[in-house]
């Protein structure tokens, strides 16, 4: 997908059709799965093809289907969602890469920012929509999430993202 005149403009994330899921391993083999229930975002594509935007996840919206674990993930041992309510990815650019796109930007978790580059699949399934799908590998230690009882939990997590953007409605003047 390359930016074209029809994609130029402002885009807003459709949170009802967007998913951000988390997968990690505990004890080396047990998969811990979760998803974030609150996601917002926006983006812009300029006439010159530059892409920018943000995707924001409410850290406290993590749901692993285990209330005790979710409470621990929200605590200062992990996301510290009382002090750092948002996890934010700021897009610096998107470039075509074969049949996919390469997304570059900055990920901010617990007040720590790190550059992040990953491949994604982009699609324009219909008029006024853009989809981005990616599996992003994160080392949680890069963001200070180092709690690890007896070394049983992996430091590596995978974020699976399905982001649906819709053209922002024109504002009345």
Protein backbone atom coordinates (compact mmCIF):
# COMPACT_ATOMS: atom_id res chain seq x y z
CA UNK A 1 0.00 0.00 0.00
CA UNK A 2 1.38 3.38 -0.92
CA UNK A 3 -0.30 6.60 0.16
CA UNK A 4 -2.41 7.97 -2.65
CA UNK A 5 -4.58 11.01 -3.02
CA UNK A 6 -7.61 9.02 -1.85
CA UNK A 7 -5.84 8.18 1.44
CA UNK A 8 -4.71 11.74 2.13
CA UNK A 9 -6.37 13.24 5.19
CA UNK A 10 -7.17 12.62 8.81
CA UNK A 11 -8.05 9.20 10.20
CA UNK A 12 -9.48 8.10 13.53
CA UNK A 13 -9.24 4.68 15.15
CA UNK A 14 -12.47 2.69 15.44
CA UNK A 15 -12.10 1.24 18.98
CA UNK A 16 -15.08 -1.08 18.56
CA UNK A 17 -13.29 -2.94 15.73
CA UNK A 18 -9.70 -2.61 16.94
CA UNK A 19 -7.93 -5.17 19.12
CA UNK A 20 -4.65 -5.05 21.01
CA UNK A 21 -3.76 -8.40 22.56
CA UNK A 22 -0.83 -9.47 24.71
CA UNK A 23 0.84 -12.89 24.81
CA UNK A 24 3.61 -13.86 27.20
CA UNK A 25 4.92 -17.09 28.64
CA UNK A 26 5.23 -18.09 32.26
CA UNK A 27 7.36 -20.99 33.46
CA UNK A 28 8.65 -21.24 29.90
CA UNK A 29 5.58 -22.98 28.49
CA UNK A 30 2.35 -21.60 29.98
CA UNK A 31 0.90 -18.95 27.70
CA UNK A 32 -0.58 -15.89 29.38
CA UNK A 33 -3.03 -14.14 27.08
CA UNK A 34 -4.75 -10.83 27.58
CA UNK A 35 -6.28 -7.93 25.74
CA UNK A 36 -6.68 -4.23 26.32
CA UNK A 37 -10.29 -3.05 26.34
CA UNK A 38 -9.67 0.67 25.83
CA UNK A 39 -7.79 1.80 22.73
CA UNK A 40 -7.87 5.16 20.96
CA UNK A 41 -5.90 6.61 18.08
CA UNK A 42 -5.64 8.91 15.13
CA UNK A 43 -3.49 9.38 12.08
CA UNK A 44 -2.74 11.69 9.20
CA UNK A 45 -1.55 11.01 5.67
CA UNK A 46 -0.21 14.07 3.85
CA UNK A 47 -0.33 14.68 0.12
CA UNK A 48 3.42 13.96 0.01
CA UNK A 49 2.79 10.52 1.58
CA UNK A 50 4.06 11.23 5.09
CA UNK A 51 2.22 9.29 7.78
CA UNK A 52 1.97 10.18 11.46
CA UNK A 53 -0.32 9.45 14.35
CA UNK A 54 -0.78 7.84 17.74
CA UNK A 55 -2.28 4.71 19.23
CA UNK A 56 -3.07 4.91 22.96
CA UNK A 57 -3.97 1.96 25.17
CA UNK A 58 -5.35 2.37 28.70
CA UNK A 59 -2.96 0.26 30.78
CA UNK A 60 -5.66 -0.47 33.39
CA UNK A 61 -7.89 -2.00 30.71
CA UNK A 62 -5.79 -5.21 30.59
CA UNK A 63 -7.97 -8.31 30.85
CA UNK A 64 -6.43 -11.78 31.11
CA UNK A 65 -9.65 -13.39 32.43
CA UNK A 66 -7.94 -13.69 35.83
CA UNK A 67 -8.86 -10.78 38.16
CA UNK A 68 -5.99 -11.46 40.59
CA UNK A 69 -3.42 -11.47 37.77
CA UNK A 70 -5.01 -8.36 36.18
CA UNK A 71 -4.73 -6.50 39.50
CA UNK A 72 -1.06 -7.48 39.70
CA UNK A 73 -0.44 -6.36 36.09
CA UNK A 74 -1.97 -2.95 36.94
CA UNK A 75 0.28 -2.63 40.04
CA UNK A 76 3.69 -0.96 40.35
CA UNK A 77 5.29 -4.37 39.65
CA UNK A 78 4.18 -4.06 36.02
CA UNK A 79 2.19 -1.29 34.27
CA UNK A 80 1.77 0.94 37.38
CA UNK A 81 -1.44 2.17 35.78
CA UNK A 82 -2.25 4.57 38.64
CA UNK A 83 0.86 6.60 37.83
CA UNK A 84 1.16 5.77 34.11
CA UNK A 85 -2.37 5.33 32.80
CA UNK A 86 -1.49 5.19 29.09
CA UNK A 87 0.71 3.09 26.85
CA UNK A 88 1.31 5.14 23.70
CA UNK A 89 2.83 4.42 20.32
CA UNK A 90 3.62 7.53 18.28
CA UNK A 91 4.05 6.85 14.57
CA UNK A 92 6.96 8.62 12.90
CA UNK A 93 6.43 7.03 9.49
CA UNK A 94 5.17 4.14 7.42
CA UNK A 95 7.08 2.92 4.37
CA UNK A 96 6.17 0.23 1.85
CA UNK A 97 8.22 -2.95 2.35
CA UNK A 98 7.41 -5.61 -0.20
CA UNK A 99 3.75 -6.47 0.21
CA UNK A 100 3.74 -5.07 3.74
CA UNK A 101 4.68 -1.80 5.37
CA UNK A 102 7.40 -0.94 7.87
CA UNK A 103 6.13 1.17 10.75
CA UNK A 104 8.56 3.31 12.75
CA UNK A 105 7.89 5.29 15.87
CA UNK A 106 8.27 5.52 19.63
CA UNK A 107 6.64 3.31 22.25
CA UNK A 108 6.05 4.84 25.70
CA UNK A 109 5.36 2.52 28.66
CA UNK A 110 5.65 3.58 32.33
CA UNK A 111 7.19 6.89 31.28
CA UNK A 112 9.99 5.22 29.32
CA UNK A 113 10.28 5.78 25.59
CA UNK A 114 12.00 3.46 23.17
CA UNK A 115 12.20 3.53 19.36
CA UNK A 116 10.22 0.75 17.76
CA UNK A 117 10.14 -0.52 14.18
CA UNK A 118 7.96 -3.40 13.00
CA UNK A 119 6.39 -4.84 9.89
CA UNK A 120 2.64 -4.71 9.40
CA UNK A 121 0.11 -5.69 6.81
CA UNK A 122 -1.90 -2.76 5.52
CA UNK A 123 -5.20 -3.03 3.70
CA UNK A 124 -7.81 -0.68 2.30
CA UNK A 125 -10.83 -3.02 2.34
CA UNK A 126 -13.41 -0.39 1.46
CA UNK A 127 -14.00 3.26 0.97
CA UNK A 128 -13.01 5.23 4.03
CA UNK A 129 -11.16 2.46 5.94
CA UNK A 130 -7.55 1.46 6.50
CA UNK A 131 -6.53 -1.67 8.43
CA UNK A 132 -3.14 -2.36 9.97
CA UNK A 133 -2.26 -5.79 11.36
CA UNK A 134 0.96 -6.58 13.19
CA UNK A 135 2.63 -8.87 15.69
CA UNK A 136 5.17 -6.83 17.64
CA UNK A 137 7.82 -8.40 19.89
CA UNK A 138 8.55 -6.36 23.04
CA UNK A 139 11.17 -6.88 25.74
CA UNK A 140 9.30 -5.66 28.80
CA UNK A 141 12.56 -5.03 30.67
CA UNK A 142 13.20 -2.13 28.24
CA UNK A 143 10.31 -0.34 29.97
CA UNK A 144 11.12 -1.22 33.57
CA UNK A 145 8.66 -4.12 33.80
CA UNK A 146 11.20 -6.47 35.37
CA UNK A 147 9.22 -8.18 38.13
CA UNK A 148 9.81 -11.89 37.70
CA UNK A 149 9.18 -14.24 40.61
CA UNK A 150 11.88 -16.91 40.58
CA UNK A 151 12.63 -16.15 36.92
CA UNK A 152 9.50 -17.98 35.77
CA UNK A 153 8.08 -15.31 33.46
CA UNK A 154 9.50 -14.44 30.07
CA UNK A 155 10.74 -10.90 29.51
CA UNK A 156 9.56 -11.18 25.90
CA UNK A 157 5.93 -10.44 25.06
CA UNK A 158 4.10 -10.30 21.76
CA UNK A 159 1.53 -7.60 21.06
CA UNK A 160 -0.94 -8.52 18.34
CA UNK A 161 -2.64 -5.49 16.83
CA UNK A 162 -5.58 -5.19 14.48
CA UNK A 163 -6.18 -1.46 14.02
CA UNK A 164 -9.12 -0.19 11.99
CA UNK A 165 -8.98 3.46 10.98
CA UNK A 166 -11.88 5.38 9.44
CA UNK A 167 -11.72 8.69 7.67
CA UNK A 168 -12.38 11.48 10.14
CA UNK A 169 -15.67 13.20 9.38
CA UNK A 170 -15.30 16.76 8.11
CA UNK A 171 -15.89 19.38 10.72
CA UNK A 172 -18.64 21.88 10.01
CA UNK A 173 -17.41 25.43 9.76
